[in-house]
């Protein structure tokens, strides 16, 4: 049996969200103040860059094309045959 417990965001443990959290799906509003469902201190998640809980912001992934020596590529291709 599961005991359902309600979370009280206004008890002092949860801090209000910051501007960078606007648009996130994990933000809930209680008594006119917005709180994060996943983290107690949302400001701390944004100090090092992007919050890993953010659903509205995605990290940029840079793909770097690596130059392969043509002689090595030919040797690898001949080994596969």
C-alpha atoms as a PDB file:
ATOM      1  CA  UNK A   1       0.000   0.000   0.000  1.00  0.00           C
ATOM      2  CA  UNK A   2       1.211   3.437  -0.899  1.00  0.00           C
ATOM      3  CA  UNK A   3       0.857   6.375   1.413  1.00  0.00           C
ATOM      4  CA  UNK A   4       0.070   9.523  -0.540  1.00  0.00           C
ATOM      5  CA  UNK A   5       1.781  12.543   0.987  1.00  0.00           C
ATOM      6  CA  UNK A   6       1.229  16.077  -0.175  1.00  0.00           C
ATOM      7  CA  UNK A   7       4.165  18.388  -0.653  1.00  0.00           C
ATOM      8  CA  UNK A   8       3.995  21.767   1.032  1.00  0.00           C
ATOM      9  CA  UNK A   9       6.130  24.185  -0.950  1.00  0.00           C
ATOM     10  CA  UNK A  10       5.597  27.029   1.490  1.00  0.00           C
ATOM     11  CA  UNK A  11       7.221  25.307   4.487  1.00  0.00           C
ATOM     12  CA  UNK A  12      10.594  26.966   3.777  1.00  0.00           C
ATOM     13  CA  UNK A  13      12.529  24.107   2.184  1.00  0.00           C
ATOM     14  CA  UNK A  14      11.651  25.007  -1.415  1.00  0.00           C
ATOM     15  CA  UNK A  15      12.946  28.280  -2.834  1.00  0.00           C
ATOM     16  CA  UNK A  16      11.015  30.196  -5.532  1.00  0.00           C
ATOM     17  CA  UNK A  17      12.161  29.735  -9.130  1.00  0.00           C
ATOM     18  CA  UNK A  18      14.292  32.306 -10.950  1.00  0.00           C
ATOM     19  CA  UNK A  19      13.746  33.953 -14.363  1.00  0.00           C
ATOM     20  CA  UNK A  20      15.702  31.252 -16.213  1.00  0.00           C
ATOM     21  CA  UNK A  21      13.141  28.661 -15.081  1.00  0.00           C
ATOM     22  CA  UNK A  22      10.269  30.380 -16.935  1.00  0.00           C
ATOM     23  CA  UNK A  23       8.704  27.948 -19.394  1.00  0.00           C
ATOM     24  CA  UNK A  24       9.886  24.770 -17.656  1.00  0.00           C
ATOM     25  CA  UNK A  25       7.367  21.946 -17.285  1.00  0.00           C
ATOM     26  CA  UNK A  26       8.554  21.209 -13.739  1.00  0.00           C
ATOM     27  CA  UNK A  27       7.398  24.561 -12.345  1.00  0.00           C
ATOM     28  CA  UNK A  28       4.317  24.443 -10.118  1.00  0.00           C
ATOM     29  CA  UNK A  29       2.457  27.395  -8.683  1.00  0.00           C
ATOM     30  CA  UNK A  30       1.207  27.401  -5.122  1.00  0.00           C
ATOM     31  CA  UNK A  31      -0.257  30.413  -3.339  1.00  0.00           C
ATOM     32  CA  UNK A  32       0.855  32.719  -6.163  1.00  0.00           C
ATOM     33  CA  UNK A  33       4.527  31.697  -5.976  1.00  0.00           C
ATOM     34  CA  UNK A  34       6.224  29.393  -8.473  1.00  0.00           C
ATOM     35  CA  UNK A  35       8.361  26.477  -7.222  1.00  0.00           C
ATOM     36  CA  UNK A  36      10.374  23.716  -8.917  1.00  0.00           C
ATOM     37  CA  UNK A  37       9.030  20.176  -8.419  1.00  0.00           C
ATOM     38  CA  UNK A  38      12.458  18.586  -8.877  1.00  0.00           C
ATOM     39  CA  UNK A  39      14.885  20.728  -6.908  1.00  0.00           C
ATOM     40  CA  UNK A  40      14.817  22.665  -3.634  1.00  0.00           C
ATOM     41  CA  UNK A  41      17.171  25.481  -4.721  1.00  0.00           C
ATOM     42  CA  UNK A  42      16.625  26.188  -8.446  1.00  0.00           C
ATOM     43  CA  UNK A  43      19.127  29.059  -8.472  1.00  0.00           C
ATOM     44  CA  UNK A  44      21.969  26.669  -7.590  1.00  0.00           C
ATOM     45  CA  UNK A  45      21.248  24.496 -10.655  1.00  0.00           C
ATOM     46  CA  UNK A  46      21.834  27.464 -12.986  1.00  0.00           C
ATOM     47  CA  UNK A  47      25.146  28.643 -11.436  1.00  0.00           C
ATOM     48  CA  UNK A  48      27.336  26.347 -13.535  1.00  0.00           C
ATOM     49  CA  UNK A  49      25.378  26.839 -16.754  1.00  0.00           C
ATOM     50  CA  UNK A  50      22.292  24.987 -17.930  1.00  0.00           C
ATOM     51  CA  UNK A  51      20.031  23.281 -15.393  1.00  0.00           C
ATOM     52  CA  UNK A  52      19.923  19.536 -16.047  1.00  0.00           C
ATOM     53  CA  UNK A  53      16.243  19.430 -15.027  1.00  0.00           C
ATOM     54  CA  UNK A  54      15.198  22.138 -17.528  1.00  0.00           C
ATOM     55  CA  UNK A  55      12.625  20.924 -20.031  1.00  0.00           C
ATOM     56  CA  UNK A  56      12.496  24.187 -21.972  1.00  0.00           C
ATOM     57  CA  UNK A  57      16.229  24.530 -22.748  1.00  0.00           C
ATOM     58  CA  UNK A  58      18.404  22.013 -24.543  1.00  0.00           C
ATOM     59  CA  UNK A  59      22.215  21.975 -24.524  1.00  0.00           C
ATOM     60  CA  UNK A  60      24.014  22.790 -27.753  1.00  0.00           C
ATOM     61  CA  UNK A  61      25.979  19.878 -29.156  1.00  0.00           C
ATOM     62  CA  UNK A  62      28.844  20.730 -31.487  1.00  0.00           C
ATOM     63  CA  UNK A  63      29.803  18.014 -33.958  1.00  0.00           C
ATOM     64  CA  UNK A  64      33.415  18.196 -35.016  1.00  0.00           C
ATOM     65  CA  UNK A  65      34.449  16.467 -38.207  1.00  0.00           C
ATOM     66  CA  UNK A  66      37.692  14.567 -37.686  1.00  0.00           C
ATOM     67  CA  UNK A  67      40.158  14.404 -40.548  1.00  0.00           C
ATOM     68  CA  UNK A  68      41.337  10.839 -41.176  1.00  0.00           C
ATOM     69  CA  UNK A  69      44.634  10.037 -42.810  1.00  0.00           C
ATOM     70  CA  UNK A  70      43.795   8.519 -46.248  1.00  0.00           C
ATOM     71  CA  UNK A  71      46.555   5.901 -45.961  1.00  0.00           C
ATOM     72  CA  UNK A  72      45.207   4.623 -42.646  1.00  0.00           C
ATOM     73  CA  UNK A  73      41.669   4.603 -44.028  1.00  0.00           C
ATOM     74  CA  UNK A  74      42.794   2.482 -46.987  1.00  0.00           C
ATOM     75  CA  UNK A  75      44.547   0.007 -44.672  1.00  0.00           C
ATOM     76  CA  UNK A  76      41.458  -0.326 -42.480  1.00  0.00           C
ATOM     77  CA  UNK A  77      39.238  -0.877 -45.500  1.00  0.00           C
ATOM     78  CA  UNK A  78      41.530  -3.594 -46.861  1.00  0.00           C
ATOM     79  CA  UNK A  79      41.514  -5.449 -43.511  1.00  0.00           C
ATOM     80  CA  UNK A  80      37.717  -5.708 -43.563  1.00  0.00           C
ATOM     81  CA  UNK A  81      37.646  -7.539 -46.895  1.00  0.00           C
END
